[in-house]
Amino acid sequence: MANVFEGKPDGRQLADVDAPVSRFRPKYRALTDDEKALHDEIKSKAAELEAVFEKVKNGRYKSLAMTELETSVMWIVKELTS
């Protein structure tokens, strides 16, 4: 199986960008170049925000903020890739 980080689809990814969406996604649809760029931008901005959050002292609220940032990124990427 090809390594997904080499830019080649493996057995879990379809080559078709217009593949029907499944709630459980047995196969992921291929992303367009614009979608890939947007995915990278989302992850980059999230990493920037994470670095800002790290400047705040540790505590319960910081932990909650980090969890919500992770959750937010997860859901928006799920929407982007659906």
C-alpha atoms as a PDB file:
ATOM      1  CA  MET A   1       0.000   0.000   0.000  1.00  0.00           C
ATOM      2  CA  ALA A   2       1.372   3.460  -0.904  1.00  0.00           C
ATOM      3  CA  ASN A   3       2.205   5.938   1.799  1.00  0.00           C
ATOM      4  CA  VAL A   4      -0.474   8.658   1.931  1.00  0.00           C
ATOM      5  CA  PHE A   5       2.204  11.230   2.720  1.00  0.00           C
ATOM      6  CA  GLU A   6       3.859  10.635  -0.647  1.00  0.00           C
ATOM      7  CA  GLY A   7       0.836  12.160  -2.344  1.00  0.00           C
ATOM      8  CA  LYS A   8      -0.382   8.857  -3.767  1.00  0.00           C
ATOM      9  CA  PRO A   9      -3.810   7.488  -2.872  1.00  0.00           C
ATOM     10  CA  ASP A  10      -3.793   4.255  -0.936  1.00  0.00           C
ATOM     11  CA  GLY A  11      -6.557   1.678  -0.519  1.00  0.00           C
ATOM     12  CA  ARG A  12      -8.570   3.998   1.713  1.00  0.00           C
ATOM     13  CA  GLN A  13      -8.897   6.828  -0.806  1.00  0.00           C
ATOM     14  CA  LEU A  14     -10.980   7.032  -3.948  1.00  0.00           C
ATOM     15  CA  ALA A  15      -9.578   8.730  -7.025  1.00  0.00           C
ATOM     16  CA  ASP A  16     -12.964  10.355  -7.739  1.00  0.00           C
ATOM     17  CA  VAL A  17     -13.574  13.838  -6.301  1.00  0.00           C
ATOM     18  CA  ASP A  18     -17.318  13.456  -6.922  1.00  0.00           C
ATOM     19  CA  ALA A  19     -17.772  10.178  -5.075  1.00  0.00           C
ATOM     20  CA  PRO A  20     -20.965   9.870  -3.009  1.00  0.00           C
ATOM     21  CA  VAL A  21     -20.609  10.702   0.663  1.00  0.00           C
ATOM     22  CA  SER A  22     -21.172   8.085   3.341  1.00  0.00           C
ATOM     23  CA  ARG A  23     -21.711   8.910   7.007  1.00  0.00           C
ATOM     24  CA  PHE A  24     -19.094   6.320   7.963  1.00  0.00           C
ATOM     25  CA  ARG A  25     -16.737   6.942   5.029  1.00  0.00           C
ATOM     26  CA  PRO A  26     -15.444   3.499   4.176  1.00  0.00           C
ATOM     27  CA  LYS A  27     -13.469   5.252   1.445  1.00  0.00           C
ATOM     28  CA  TYR A  28     -12.390   8.870   1.411  1.00  0.00           C
ATOM     29  CA  ARG A  29     -13.020  10.905  -1.687  1.00  0.00           C
ATOM     30  CA  ALA A  30     -10.080  12.620  -3.353  1.00  0.00           C
ATOM     31  CA  LEU A  31      -9.754  16.323  -2.611  1.00  0.00           C
ATOM     32  CA  THR A  32      -9.383  18.982  -5.270  1.00  0.00           C
ATOM     33  CA  ASP A  33      -6.272  21.155  -5.226  1.00  0.00           C
ATOM     34  CA  ASP A  34      -8.342  24.023  -3.776  1.00  0.00           C
ATOM     35  CA  GLU A  35      -9.666  21.764  -1.015  1.00  0.00           C
ATOM     36  CA  LYS A  36      -6.146  20.569  -0.231  1.00  0.00           C
ATOM     37  CA  ALA A  37      -4.962  24.181   0.021  1.00  0.00           C
ATOM     38  CA  LEU A  38      -7.886  25.067   2.287  1.00  0.00           C
ATOM     39  CA  HIS A  39      -7.203  22.017   4.463  1.00  0.00           C
ATOM     40  CA  ASP A  40      -3.582  23.113   4.848  1.00  0.00           C
ATOM     41  CA  GLU A  41      -4.654  26.698   5.651  1.00  0.00           C
ATOM     42  CA  ILE A  42      -7.078  25.506   8.343  1.00  0.00           C
ATOM     43  CA  LYS A  43      -4.409  23.334   9.974  1.00  0.00           C
ATOM     44  CA  SER A  44      -1.822  26.116   9.749  1.00  0.00           C
ATOM     45  CA  LYS A  45      -4.113  28.699  11.362  1.00  0.00           C
ATOM     46  CA  ALA A  46      -5.058  26.220  14.079  1.00  0.00           C
ATOM     47  CA  ALA A  47      -1.363  25.658  14.820  1.00  0.00           C
ATOM     48  CA  GLU A  48      -0.867  29.437  15.054  1.00  0.00           C
ATOM     49  CA  LEU A  49      -3.743  29.730  17.500  1.00  0.00           C
ATOM     50  CA  GLU A  50      -2.397  26.798  19.500  1.00  0.00           C
ATOM     51  CA  ALA A  51       0.944  28.627  19.830  1.00  0.00           C
ATOM     52  CA  VAL A  52      -0.875  31.708  21.150  1.00  0.00           C
ATOM     53  CA  PHE A  53      -2.838  29.571  23.626  1.00  0.00           C
ATOM     54  CA  GLU A  54       0.443  28.098  24.897  1.00  0.00           C
ATOM     55  CA  LYS A  55       1.416  31.562  26.159  1.00  0.00           C
ATOM     56  CA  VAL A  56      -1.394  31.391  28.747  1.00  0.00           C
ATOM     57  CA  LYS A  57      -0.700  29.727  32.095  1.00  0.00           C
ATOM     58  CA  ASN A  58      -1.808  26.124  32.449  1.00  0.00           C
ATOM     59  CA  GLY A  59      -5.193  25.472  33.971  1.00  0.00           C
ATOM     60  CA  ARG A  60      -8.613  24.034  33.462  1.00  0.00           C
ATOM     61  CA  TYR A  61      -9.825  26.785  31.140  1.00  0.00           C
ATOM     62  CA  LYS A  62      -6.749  26.528  28.938  1.00  0.00           C
ATOM     63  CA  SER A  63      -7.306  22.781  28.688  1.00  0.00           C
ATOM     64  CA  LEU A  64     -10.938  23.359  27.735  1.00  0.00           C
ATOM     65  CA  ALA A  65      -9.891  25.916  25.121  1.00  0.00           C
ATOM     66  CA  MET A  66      -7.386  23.486  23.595  1.00  0.00           C
ATOM     67  CA  THR A  67     -10.000  20.735  23.496  1.00  0.00           C
ATOM     68  CA  GLU A  68     -12.495  23.025  21.795  1.00  0.00           C
ATOM     69  CA  LEU A  69      -9.876  24.143  19.266  1.00  0.00           C
ATOM     70  CA  GLU A  70      -9.177  20.492  18.450  1.00  0.00           C
ATOM     71  CA  THR A  71     -12.908  19.800  18.192  1.00  0.00           C
ATOM     72  CA  SER A  72     -13.480  22.803  15.965  1.00  0.00           C
ATOM     73  CA  VAL A  73     -10.713  21.801  13.563  1.00  0.00           C
ATOM     74  CA  MET A  74     -11.967  18.210  13.513  1.00  0.00           C
ATOM     75  CA  TRP A  75     -15.507  19.232  12.560  1.00  0.00           C
ATOM     76  CA  ILE A  76     -14.537  21.787   9.911  1.00  0.00           C
ATOM     77  CA  VAL A  77     -12.133  19.330   8.268  1.00  0.00           C
ATOM     78  CA  LYS A  78     -14.855  16.685   8.351  1.00  0.00           C
ATOM     79  CA  GLU A  79     -17.171  19.132   6.563  1.00  0.00           C
ATOM     80  CA  LEU A  80     -14.481  20.059   4.046  1.00  0.00           C
ATOM     81  CA  THR A  81     -13.702  16.442   3.228  1.00  0.00           C
ATOM     82  CA  SER A  82     -17.302  15.189   3.134  1.00  0.00           C
END
